[in-house]
Amino acid sequence: MTNREITAIHAACRRRSWEDSTDDASRLVLERAGDAIGQLRREVRDLQHRLSRQAIHLERAELDAEIMRRAAFGHQKGGAA
């Protein structure tokens, strides 16, 4: 399910909860569902942000490791000559 679909469901729950034809019990369920969906959206967004940051850190660490390997290999190669 895409973020756009989740957003549409969230909005539909909130809208439907305020319709005059909605009884009180259904209104409460719809409001709680809308709140839960909103909370899940925030948590997913936070997790995506953290995952993105971790990927950036991993990429930097891999680049640093490659630089160190090349420096060590160049040093060994230069010392043997």
N, C-alpha and C. Protein backbone atom coordinates (compact mmCIF):
# COMPACT_ATOMS: atom_id res chain seq x y z
N MET A 1 0.85 -1.17 0.00
CA MET A 1 0.00 0.00 0.00
C MET A 1 0.90 1.24 0.00
N THR A 2 0.57 2.16 -0.86
CA THR A 2 1.39 3.36 -0.99
C THR A 2 1.01 4.40 0.07
N ASN A 3 1.89 5.35 0.25
CA ASN A 3 1.63 6.43 1.20
C ASN A 3 0.39 7.22 0.77
N ARG A 4 0.22 7.38 -0.52
CA ARG A 4 -0.95 8.11 -1.04
C ARG A 4 -2.25 7.38 -0.68
N GLU A 5 -2.25 6.05 -0.80
CA GLU A 5 -3.44 5.27 -0.45
C GLU A 5 -3.73 5.35 1.04
N ILE A 6 -2.69 5.26 1.85
CA ILE A 6 -2.87 5.36 3.30
C ILE A 6 -3.42 6.74 3.67
N THR A 7 -2.89 7.77 3.03
CA THR A 7 -3.38 9.13 3.27
C THR A 7 -4.85 9.25 2.90
N ALA A 8 -5.25 8.64 1.79
CA ALA A 8 -6.65 8.70 1.36
C ALA A 8 -7.56 7.99 2.35
N ILE A 9 -7.12 6.85 2.86
CA ILE A 9 -7.92 6.11 3.85
C ILE A 9 -8.04 6.92 5.13
N HIS A 10 -6.93 7.50 5.55
CA HIS A 10 -6.93 8.34 6.75
C HIS A 10 -7.92 9.49 6.60
N ALA A 11 -7.86 10.17 5.47
CA ALA A 11 -8.78 11.30 5.22
C ALA A 11 -10.23 10.83 5.16
N ALA A 12 -10.46 9.68 4.55
CA ALA A 12 -11.83 9.16 4.45
C ALA A 12 -12.40 8.83 5.83
N CYS A 13 -11.59 8.26 6.68
CA CYS A 13 -12.04 7.95 8.05
C CYS A 13 -12.41 9.23 8.78
N ARG A 14 -11.55 10.23 8.68
CA ARG A 14 -11.81 11.49 9.38
C ARG A 14 -13.07 12.18 8.82
N ARG A 15 -13.20 12.18 7.49
CA ARG A 15 -14.37 12.80 6.86
C ARG A 15 -15.65 12.10 7.26
N ARG A 16 -15.62 10.77 7.15
CA ARG A 16 -16.81 9.97 7.44
C ARG A 16 -17.24 10.13 8.90
N SER A 17 -16.28 10.29 9.80
CA SER A 17 -16.61 10.42 11.22
C SER A 17 -17.42 11.69 11.50
N TRP A 18 -17.34 12.67 10.61
CA TRP A 18 -18.05 13.93 10.82
C TRP A 18 -19.34 14.05 10.02
N GLU A 19 -19.68 13.02 9.25
CA GLU A 19 -20.94 13.06 8.50
C GLU A 19 -22.12 12.95 9.45
N ASP A 20 -23.20 13.66 9.13
CA ASP A 20 -24.40 13.65 9.97
C ASP A 20 -25.04 12.27 10.06
N SER A 21 -24.90 11.47 9.00
CA SER A 21 -25.53 10.16 8.98
C SER A 21 -24.78 9.11 9.81
N THR A 22 -23.61 9.46 10.32
CA THR A 22 -22.80 8.51 11.10
C THR A 22 -23.27 8.51 12.55
N ASP A 23 -23.58 7.30 13.05
CA ASP A 23 -24.01 7.20 14.45
C ASP A 23 -22.81 7.37 15.38
N ASP A 24 -23.09 7.60 16.65
CA ASP A 24 -22.03 7.90 17.62
C ASP A 24 -21.01 6.78 17.75
N ALA A 25 -21.48 5.53 17.78
CA ALA A 25 -20.55 4.40 17.93
C ALA A 25 -19.61 4.31 16.72
N SER A 26 -20.18 4.46 15.54
CA SER A 26 -19.36 4.42 14.32
C SER A 26 -18.41 5.60 14.26
N ARG A 27 -18.90 6.76 14.70
CA ARG A 27 -18.06 7.96 14.72
C ARG A 27 -16.83 7.74 15.59
N LEU A 28 -17.03 7.14 16.75
CA LEU A 28 -15.91 6.87 17.65
C LEU A 28 -14.92 5.90 17.02
N VAL A 29 -15.43 4.85 16.40
CA VAL A 29 -14.55 3.87 15.75
C VAL A 29 -13.77 4.53 14.61
N LEU A 30 -14.45 5.33 13.81
CA LEU A 30 -13.78 6.00 12.69
C LEU A 30 -12.73 7.00 13.18
N GLU A 31 -13.03 7.72 14.24
CA GLU A 31 -12.05 8.66 14.78
C GLU A 31 -10.82 7.93 15.31
N ARG A 32 -11.06 6.83 16.01
CA ARG A 32 -9.93 6.04 16.53
C ARG A 32 -9.12 5.44 15.38
N ALA A 33 -9.80 4.95 14.35
CA ALA A 33 -9.10 4.40 13.19
C ALA A 33 -8.26 5.48 12.52
N GLY A 34 -8.85 6.66 12.35
CA GLY A 34 -8.11 7.77 11.75
C GLY A 34 -6.90 8.15 12.58
N ASP A 35 -7.07 8.20 13.89
CA ASP A 35 -5.94 8.52 14.78
C ASP A 35 -4.85 7.46 14.69
N ALA A 36 -5.25 6.18 14.67
CA ALA A 36 -4.28 5.09 14.58
C ALA A 36 -3.52 5.13 13.26
N ILE A 37 -4.24 5.39 12.17
CA ILE A 37 -3.59 5.48 10.86
C ILE A 37 -2.62 6.66 10.85
N GLY A 38 -3.03 7.78 11.41
CA GLY A 38 -2.14 8.94 11.48
C GLY A 38 -0.87 8.63 12.26
N GLN A 39 -1.02 7.94 13.38
CA GLN A 39 0.14 7.57 14.20
C GLN A 39 1.06 6.62 13.43
N LEU A 40 0.48 5.65 12.75
CA LEU A 40 1.29 4.71 11.96
C LEU A 40 2.03 5.43 10.84
N ARG A 41 1.37 6.38 10.21
CA ARG A 41 2.03 7.15 9.15
C ARG A 41 3.24 7.89 9.70
N ARG A 42 3.10 8.49 10.87
CA ARG A 42 4.22 9.20 11.48
C ARG A 42 5.36 8.24 11.81
N GLU A 43 5.01 7.06 12.35
CA GLU A 43 6.04 6.08 12.69
C GLU A 43 6.76 5.58 11.45
N VAL A 44 6.02 5.32 10.38
CA VAL A 44 6.63 4.87 9.13
C VAL A 44 7.56 5.95 8.58
N ARG A 45 7.11 7.20 8.61
CA ARG A 45 7.94 8.31 8.13
C ARG A 45 9.23 8.39 8.94
N ASP A 46 9.12 8.25 10.26
CA ASP A 46 10.31 8.30 11.12
C ASP A 46 11.25 7.14 10.82
N LEU A 47 10.70 5.95 10.62
CA LEU A 47 11.52 4.78 10.30
C LEU A 47 12.20 4.94 8.94
N GLN A 48 11.48 5.49 7.97
CA GLN A 48 12.08 5.72 6.66
C GLN A 48 13.24 6.71 6.77
N HIS A 49 13.06 7.73 7.58
CA HIS A 49 14.11 8.73 7.78
C HIS A 49 15.34 8.09 8.43
N ARG A 50 15.10 7.28 9.46
CA ARG A 50 16.22 6.62 10.14
C ARG A 50 16.95 5.66 9.20
N LEU A 51 16.17 4.91 8.42
CA LEU A 51 16.77 3.96 7.47
C LEU A 51 17.61 4.69 6.43
N SER A 52 17.12 5.80 5.96
CA SER A 52 17.85 6.60 4.99
C SER A 52 19.17 7.10 5.58
N ARG A 53 19.11 7.58 6.82
CA ARG A 53 20.34 8.05 7.48
C ARG A 53 21.33 6.91 7.68
N GLN A 54 20.83 5.74 8.07
CA GLN A 54 21.72 4.59 8.26
C GLN A 54 22.37 4.19 6.95
N ALA A 55 21.61 4.25 5.85
CA ALA A 55 22.17 3.91 4.54
C ALA A 55 23.28 4.89 4.16
N ILE A 56 23.08 6.16 4.46
CA ILE A 56 24.11 7.17 4.18
C ILE A 56 25.36 6.89 5.00
N HIS A 57 25.18 6.57 6.29
CA HIS A 57 26.34 6.27 7.14
C HIS A 57 27.06 5.01 6.67
N LEU A 58 26.31 4.00 6.26
CA LEU A 58 26.92 2.77 5.76
C LEU A 58 27.72 3.05 4.49
N GLU A 59 27.15 3.83 3.60
CA GLU A 59 27.85 4.17 2.36
C GLU A 59 29.15 4.91 2.66
N ARG A 60 29.10 5.85 3.60
CA ARG A 60 30.32 6.58 3.98
C ARG A 60 31.36 5.63 4.58
N ALA A 61 30.91 4.71 5.43
CA ALA A 61 31.84 3.76 6.05
C ALA A 61 32.47 2.86 4.99
N GLU A 62 31.68 2.44 4.01
CA GLU A 62 32.22 1.61 2.94
C GLU A 62 33.24 2.38 2.11
N LEU A 63 32.95 3.64 1.83
CA LEU A 63 33.91 4.47 1.09
C LEU A 63 35.19 4.67 1.89
N ASP A 64 35.06 4.94 3.18
CA ASP A 64 36.24 5.09 4.04
C ASP A 64 37.06 3.80 4.06
N ALA A 65 36.40 2.66 4.15
CA ALA A 65 37.10 1.38 4.17
C ALA A 65 37.83 1.15 2.85
N GLU A 66 37.21 1.51 1.75
CA GLU A 66 37.85 1.36 0.44
C GLU A 66 39.07 2.27 0.33
N ILE A 67 38.97 3.48 0.82
CA ILE A 67 40.11 4.40 0.81
C ILE A 67 41.25 3.83 1.65
N MET A 68 40.92 3.28 2.81
CA MET A 68 41.95 2.70 3.68
C MET A 68 42.60 1.49 3.01
N ARG A 69 41.79 0.65 2.36
CA ARG A 69 42.36 -0.52 1.66
C ARG A 69 43.31 -0.08 0.56
N ARG A 70 42.88 0.90 -0.21
CA ARG A 70 43.73 1.38 -1.31
C ARG A 70 45.01 2.02 -0.78
N ALA A 71 44.88 2.76 0.32
CA ALA A 71 46.07 3.39 0.91
C ALA A 71 47.03 2.32 1.43
N ALA A 72 46.49 1.30 2.07
CA ALA A 72 47.34 0.22 2.60
C ALA A 72 47.98 -0.56 1.46
N PHE A 73 47.23 -0.83 0.41
CA PHE A 73 47.76 -1.57 -0.73
C PHE A 73 48.84 -0.75 -1.43
N GLY A 74 48.60 0.55 -1.59
CA GLY A 74 49.59 1.43 -2.23
C GLY A 74 50.85 1.53 -1.40
N HIS A 75 50.69 1.57 -0.07
CA HIS A 75 51.84 1.65 0.82
C HIS A 75 52.67 0.37 0.73
N GLN A 76 51.99 -0.79 0.73
CA GLN A 76 52.69 -2.07 0.63
C GLN A 76 53.39 -2.19 -0.71
N LYS A 77 52.69 -1.80 -1.77
CA LYS A 77 53.26 -1.89 -3.11
C LYS A 77 54.47 -0.96 -3.25
N GLY A 78 54.34 0.24 -2.71
CA GLY A 78 55.44 1.21 -2.79
C GLY A 78 56.64 0.79 -1.95
N GLY A 79 56.38 0.16 -0.81
CA GLY A 79 57.46 -0.27 0.08
C GLY A 79 58.24 -1.44 -0.48
N ALA A 80 57.59 -2.28 -1.32
CA ALA A 80 58.25 -3.46 -1.87
C ALA A 80 59.14 -3.10 -3.04
N ALA A 81 58.96 -1.93 -3.63
CA ALA A 81 59.72 -1.58 -4.84
C ALA A 81 61.10 -1.13 -4.56
